[in-house]
């Protein structure tokens, strides 16, 4: 959250200039100028510092989605907007600024978890919405800034309505499924090694496999009491998948890891969960990014 001078004065000046120029134009132009000035004034009044965003706030960035920013335009969620705040946390474990990469790594790990509490079914998100976050910079850290704000935002275009999953609208079995499934994929991506080849980081890949296996065991436990033909089929398939991940976690060398990893990763193909999701009454369209990963 790099501190930047707010653009509010410039927008205010533009509105005043528009009003002063009214006398020199026709009636329709006057009406257009007034409407433009009103829109500008409303946008100025809606400006809020990124340091004071709250979970649930819907907003429009002042410029590009990515990059340093100081303020955003807060709007009612019923209006078209580019993003919504879906989680927040503080980096309390570091006494000194850990660096841009370390801060991003922390946000990469924790924002999906926080976002999952707000909008549990990521498959139900509007097309093009991705997870972004506002993080402290070295300069803002020096002023006491420790907050990370997690958002679901569209880089291009806007959407309408809140993304919050109303707990009252989700049935217990839907909540149980989503909690377990989200944890499995969080474990997969949060523990992904930075090395492209297993040979270069066998321990790292094994740690990822161990985390995914543990998440799958917890997911299976949560599915035990859910009835349904497709859920039963998914349980059996995930049991086999969990065994492959456990073999990968205990691999003695890269070759053994590869042999276990291929069916382990394939077993997490989200397309294999569509029938169970339909049975549960959840969204059934695989997100484009996920579809691309398992298609490659």
Protein backbone atom coordinates (compact mmCIF):
# COMPACT_ATOMS: atom_id res chain seq x y z
CA UNK A 1 0.00 0.00 0.00
CA UNK A 2 2.38 2.69 -1.14
CA UNK A 3 1.28 6.12 0.00
CA UNK A 4 0.42 8.29 -2.96
CA UNK A 5 -1.18 11.73 -3.14
CA UNK A 6 -4.92 11.26 -3.63
CA UNK A 7 -6.31 12.41 -6.99
CA UNK A 8 -9.30 13.97 -5.26
CA UNK A 9 -8.24 17.64 -5.76
CA UNK A 10 -7.79 17.13 -9.49
CA UNK A 11 -11.23 15.61 -9.89
CA UNK A 12 -12.72 18.38 -7.82
CA UNK A 13 -11.07 21.03 -9.97
CA UNK A 14 -12.35 19.33 -13.12
CA UNK A 15 -15.89 19.43 -11.77
CA UNK A 16 -15.63 23.15 -11.00
CA UNK A 17 -14.25 23.91 -14.45
CA UNK A 18 -17.16 22.06 -16.01
CA UNK A 19 -19.66 24.11 -14.03
CA UNK A 20 -17.99 27.43 -14.90
CA UNK A 21 -18.13 26.57 -18.60
CA UNK A 22 -21.90 26.00 -18.62
CA UNK A 23 -22.77 29.53 -19.69
CA UNK A 24 -20.92 29.11 -22.97
CA UNK A 25 -22.79 26.03 -24.24
CA UNK A 26 -26.31 25.00 -25.30
CA UNK A 27 -29.05 23.49 -23.10
CA UNK A 28 -28.29 19.87 -23.90
CA UNK A 29 -24.60 20.48 -23.36
CA UNK A 30 -25.42 22.18 -20.06
CA UNK A 31 -27.37 19.12 -18.95
CA UNK A 32 -24.52 16.83 -19.96
CA UNK A 33 -22.01 19.01 -18.15
CA UNK A 34 -24.12 19.04 -14.98
CA UNK A 35 -24.55 15.27 -15.08
CA UNK A 36 -20.82 14.85 -15.61
CA UNK A 37 -20.06 17.19 -12.72
CA UNK A 38 -22.47 15.32 -10.46
CA UNK A 39 -20.89 11.99 -11.40
CA UNK A 40 -17.45 13.42 -10.70
CA UNK A 41 -18.51 14.81 -7.34
CA UNK A 42 -20.10 11.48 -6.36
CA UNK A 43 -16.93 9.62 -7.28
CA UNK A 44 -14.84 12.04 -5.21
CA UNK A 45 -17.15 11.59 -2.22
CA UNK A 46 -16.78 7.83 -2.47
CA UNK A 47 -13.00 7.80 -2.27
CA UNK A 48 -11.54 5.78 0.58
CA UNK A 49 -7.97 4.99 1.55
CA UNK A 50 -6.91 1.39 0.92
CA UNK A 51 -5.75 1.43 4.55
CA UNK A 52 -9.37 1.62 5.72
CA UNK A 53 -11.09 -0.96 3.54
CA UNK A 54 -13.47 -3.37 5.27
CA UNK A 55 -14.45 -6.93 4.39
CA UNK A 56 -17.46 -6.81 2.10
CA UNK A 57 -16.67 -3.40 0.57
CA UNK A 58 -17.29 -3.24 -3.18
CA UNK A 59 -15.04 -0.84 -5.07
CA UNK A 60 -13.56 0.42 -8.31
CA UNK A 61 -9.78 0.98 -8.58
CA UNK A 62 -8.59 4.42 -9.63
CA UNK A 63 -6.71 3.17 -12.67
CA UNK A 64 -5.25 -0.25 -13.34
CA UNK A 65 -6.03 -3.12 -10.98
CA UNK A 66 -2.36 -3.90 -10.31
CA UNK A 67 0.18 -1.39 -8.99
CA UNK A 68 0.67 1.00 -6.10
CA UNK A 69 -2.42 2.85 -5.01
CA UNK A 70 -3.63 5.02 -2.18
CA UNK A 71 -7.40 5.21 -2.63
CA UNK A 72 -10.27 3.44 -4.38
CA UNK A 73 -13.88 4.34 -5.10
CA UNK A 74 -16.28 2.58 -2.73
CA UNK A 75 -19.65 1.80 -4.33
CA UNK A 76 -22.82 -0.02 -3.27
CA UNK A 77 -22.50 -3.69 -4.23
CA UNK A 78 -25.72 -3.33 -6.23
CA UNK A 79 -23.86 -1.05 -8.65
CA UNK A 80 -21.37 -2.29 -11.24
CA UNK A 81 -17.91 -2.62 -9.70
CA UNK A 82 -14.56 -4.25 -10.42
CA UNK A 83 -13.74 -5.70 -7.02
CA UNK A 84 -14.87 -6.68 -3.53
CA UNK A 85 -12.86 -7.06 -0.34
CA UNK A 86 -13.19 -10.68 0.79
CA UNK A 87 -10.63 -11.02 3.56
CA UNK A 88 -7.90 -9.38 5.57
CA UNK A 89 -5.13 -10.25 8.00
CA UNK A 90 -2.00 -8.74 9.53
CA UNK A 91 1.58 -9.89 9.13
CA UNK A 92 2.43 -10.05 12.82
CA UNK A 93 5.17 -12.67 12.65
CA UNK A 94 7.76 -10.36 11.08
CA UNK A 95 9.50 -7.57 13.04
CA UNK A 96 11.25 -6.04 10.03
CA UNK A 97 10.00 -5.72 6.46
CA UNK A 98 10.56 -9.18 4.95
CA UNK A 99 10.77 -7.97 1.36
CA UNK A 100 8.31 -7.78 -1.52
CA UNK A 101 8.65 -11.44 -2.49
CA UNK A 102 8.15 -12.66 1.07
CA UNK A 103 5.09 -10.47 1.56
CA UNK A 104 3.61 -11.75 -1.70
CA UNK A 105 4.32 -15.34 -0.66
CA UNK A 106 2.46 -14.79 2.62
CA UNK A 107 -0.49 -13.28 0.76
CA UNK A 108 -0.45 -16.12 -1.80
CA UNK A 109 -0.78 -18.61 1.04
CA UNK A 110 -3.28 -16.86 3.29
CA UNK A 111 -5.58 -14.92 0.95
CA UNK A 112 -7.16 -18.05 -0.60
CA UNK A 113 -8.04 -19.24 2.90
CA UNK A 114 -9.55 -15.89 3.90
CA UNK A 115 -11.40 -15.59 0.58
CA UNK A 116 -12.80 -19.09 1.06
CA UNK A 117 -14.48 -17.98 4.26
CA UNK A 118 -16.27 -15.19 2.36
CA UNK A 119 -17.12 -16.86 -0.97
CA UNK A 120 -16.88 -20.59 -0.42
CA UNK A 121 -17.77 -21.79 -3.91
CA UNK A 122 -15.14 -20.36 -6.24
CA UNK A 123 -16.88 -22.04 -9.17
CA UNK A 124 -19.81 -19.67 -8.67
CA UNK A 125 -17.68 -16.53 -9.07
CA UNK A 126 -18.40 -14.29 -12.08
CA UNK A 127 -16.26 -15.02 -15.14
CA UNK A 128 -12.95 -13.18 -15.07
CA UNK A 129 -12.87 -12.60 -11.30
CA UNK A 130 -9.49 -13.46 -9.75
CA UNK A 131 -7.89 -13.17 -6.34
CA UNK A 132 -5.80 -10.04 -5.79
CA UNK A 133 -4.49 -8.34 -2.67
CA UNK A 134 -3.21 -5.05 -1.31
CA UNK A 135 -0.02 -5.52 0.71
CA UNK A 136 2.33 -3.30 2.71
CA UNK A 137 5.34 -1.79 0.96
CA UNK A 138 8.70 -1.10 2.57
CA UNK A 139 7.67 2.54 3.01
CA UNK A 140 4.23 1.86 4.51
CA UNK A 141 5.70 -0.86 6.76
CA UNK A 142 7.87 1.82 8.35
CA UNK A 143 4.70 3.71 9.32
CA UNK A 144 3.21 0.65 11.04
CA UNK A 145 1.29 -0.87 8.13
CA UNK A 146 1.01 -4.65 8.50
CA UNK A 147 -2.35 -5.32 6.84
CA UNK A 148 -2.99 -7.48 3.80
CA UNK A 149 -6.36 -6.91 2.14
CA UNK A 150 -7.61 -9.78 -0.05
CA UNK A 151 -9.99 -9.02 -2.91
CA UNK A 152 -11.81 -10.72 -5.75
CA UNK A 153 -11.35 -8.39 -8.70
CA UNK A 154 -11.84 -8.29 -12.46
CA UNK A 155 -8.92 -6.86 -14.42
CA UNK A 156 -11.28 -6.06 -17.27
CA UNK A 157 -14.97 -5.22 -16.96
CA UNK A 158 -17.21 -5.17 -13.91
CA UNK A 159 -19.79 -7.30 -12.12
CA UNK A 160 -22.85 -6.58 -9.99
CA UNK A 161 -23.80 -7.89 -6.57
CA UNK A 162 -21.93 -9.20 -3.55
CA UNK A 163 -19.83 -12.36 -3.80
CA UNK A 164 -20.50 -13.32 -0.20
CA UNK A 165 -21.97 -16.77 0.21
CA UNK A 166 -24.86 -16.41 2.61
CA UNK A 167 -24.41 -19.14 5.20
CA UNK A 168 -28.19 -19.42 5.42
CA UNK A 169 -28.43 -20.40 1.75
CA UNK A 170 -25.82 -23.15 1.96
CA UNK A 171 -26.92 -26.53 3.21
CA UNK A 172 -24.67 -28.34 5.74
CA UNK A 173 -23.62 -30.89 3.14
CA UNK A 174 -22.71 -28.13 0.68
CA UNK A 175 -20.64 -26.35 3.30
CA UNK A 176 -18.88 -29.59 4.28
CA UNK A 177 -18.02 -30.39 0.67
CA UNK A 178 -16.73 -26.90 -0.13
CA UNK A 179 -14.65 -26.68 3.04
CA UNK A 180 -12.90 -29.94 2.26
CA UNK A 181 -12.47 -29.37 -1.47
CA UNK A 182 -11.10 -25.85 -1.02
CA UNK A 183 -8.58 -27.10 1.54
CA UNK A 184 -7.31 -29.76 -0.88
CA UNK A 185 -6.58 -27.30 -3.68
CA UNK A 186 -5.17 -24.75 -1.24
CA UNK A 187 -2.74 -27.42 -0.02
CA UNK A 188 -1.78 -28.23 -3.60
CA UNK A 189 -0.96 -24.71 -4.72
CA UNK A 190 0.28 -23.20 -1.46
CA UNK A 191 2.93 -25.91 -1.21
CA UNK A 192 4.02 -25.90 -4.85
CA UNK A 193 7.82 -26.05 -5.18
CA UNK A 194 9.55 -23.23 -7.02
CA UNK A 195 11.65 -25.81 -8.87
CA UNK A 196 10.33 -27.14 -12.17
CA UNK A 197 11.82 -30.59 -11.75
CA UNK A 198 11.38 -33.03 -8.90
CA UNK A 199 15.08 -33.95 -9.10
CA UNK A 200 15.95 -30.40 -8.05
CA UNK A 201 13.71 -30.37 -4.97
CA UNK A 202 12.52 -33.84 -4.02
CA UNK A 203 11.97 -32.84 -0.39
CA UNK A 204 9.85 -29.87 -1.45
CA UNK A 205 7.67 -31.97 -3.73
CA UNK A 206 7.29 -34.62 -1.04
CA UNK A 207 6.21 -31.95 1.45
CA UNK A 208 3.55 -30.82 -1.01
CA UNK A 209 2.36 -34.41 -1.44
CA UNK A 210 2.16 -34.86 2.32
CA UNK A 211 0.08 -31.68 2.70
CA UNK A 212 -2.32 -32.70 -0.09
CA UNK A 213 -2.70 -36.21 1.34
CA UNK A 214 -3.58 -34.78 4.76
CA UNK A 215 -6.11 -32.41 3.20
CA UNK A 216 -7.67 -35.28 1.26
CA UNK A 217 -8.03 -37.37 4.42
CA UNK A 218 -9.82 -34.46 6.10
CA UNK A 219 -12.01 -33.97 3.02
CA UNK A 220 -12.97 -37.65 2.99
CA UNK A 221 -13.88 -37.49 6.65
CA UNK A 222 -16.17 -34.55 5.92
CA UNK A 223 -17.85 -36.48 3.09
CA UNK A 224 -18.60 -39.56 5.18
CA UNK A 225 -22.05 -38.48 6.31
CA UNK A 226 -23.16 -37.01 2.97
CA UNK A 227 -25.56 -39.26 1.08
CA UNK A 228 -25.81 -39.55 -2.68
CA UNK A 229 -24.77 -41.84 -5.50
CA UNK A 230 -22.31 -39.41 -7.07
CA UNK A 231 -20.89 -38.40 -3.71
CA UNK A 232 -20.27 -42.09 -3.03
CA UNK A 233 -18.43 -42.44 -6.34
CA UNK A 234 -16.36 -39.35 -5.58
CA UNK A 235 -15.45 -40.71 -2.14
CA UNK A 236 -14.08 -43.90 -3.66
CA UNK A 237 -12.12 -42.01 -6.30
CA UNK A 238 -10.64 -39.62 -3.72
CA UNK A 239 -9.60 -42.52 -1.49
CA UNK A 240 -7.49 -43.89 -4.36
CA UNK A 241 -6.15 -40.42 -5.09
CA UNK A 242 -5.15 -39.95 -1.44
CA UNK A 243 -3.18 -43.21 -1.55
CA UNK A 244 -1.24 -41.99 -4.58
CA UNK A 245 -0.37 -38.74 -2.80
CA UNK A 246 0.81 -40.71 0.23
CA UNK A 247 3.04 -42.81 -2.01
CA UNK A 248 4.45 -39.64 -3.50
CA UNK A 249 5.06 -38.24 -0.01
CA UNK A 250 7.06 -41.36 0.89
CA UNK A 251 8.96 -41.68 -2.39
CA UNK A 252 12.62 -42.62 -1.97
CA UNK A 253 13.72 -41.02 -5.21
CA UNK A 254 12.48 -38.87 -8.09
CA UNK A 255 11.47 -41.84 -10.24
CA UNK A 256 9.27 -43.25 -7.50
CA UNK A 257 7.76 -39.82 -6.99
CA UNK A 258 6.90 -39.42 -10.66
CA UNK A 259 5.20 -42.81 -10.77
CA UNK A 260 2.92 -41.83 -7.87
CA UNK A 261 2.48 -38.18 -8.82
CA UNK A 262 0.91 -38.72 -12.24
CA UNK A 263 -2.21 -40.57 -10.98
CA UNK A 264 -2.22 -38.39 -7.84
CA UNK A 265 -2.46 -35.15 -9.80
CA UNK A 266 -4.89 -36.61 -12.34
CA UNK A 267 -7.10 -37.69 -9.44
CA UNK A 268 -7.60 -34.04 -8.49
CA UNK A 269 -8.95 -33.10 -11.92
CA UNK A 270 -11.93 -30.86 -11.06
CA UNK A 271 -13.90 -32.34 -13.95
CA UNK A 272 -14.20 -35.50 -11.86
CA UNK A 273 -16.19 -33.59 -9.23
CA UNK A 274 -18.84 -32.11 -11.55
CA UNK A 275 -21.38 -34.93 -11.08
CA UNK A 276 -21.07 -34.76 -7.28
CA UNK A 277 -21.39 -30.98 -7.34
CA UNK A 278 -24.54 -31.26 -9.43
CA UNK A 279 -25.96 -33.75 -6.95
CA UNK A 280 -25.25 -31.29 -4.14
CA UNK A 281 -26.79 -28.37 -6.02
CA UNK A 282 -23.51 -26.47 -6.42
CA UNK A 283 -22.05 -24.68 -9.44
CA UNK A 284 -20.89 -27.14 -12.10
CA UNK A 285 -18.82 -25.07 -14.54
CA UNK A 286 -15.10 -25.68 -14.02
CA UNK A 287 -13.26 -22.33 -13.76
CA UNK A 288 -11.28 -21.61 -16.93
CA UNK A 289 -7.92 -21.47 -15.16
CA UNK A 290 -8.46 -24.86 -13.52
CA UNK A 291 -9.69 -26.40 -16.77
CA UNK A 292 -6.55 -25.19 -18.52
CA UNK A 293 -4.23 -26.67 -15.87
CA UNK A 294 -5.71 -30.16 -16.06
CA UNK A 295 -6.05 -30.05 -19.83
CA UNK A 296 -2.32 -29.51 -20.30
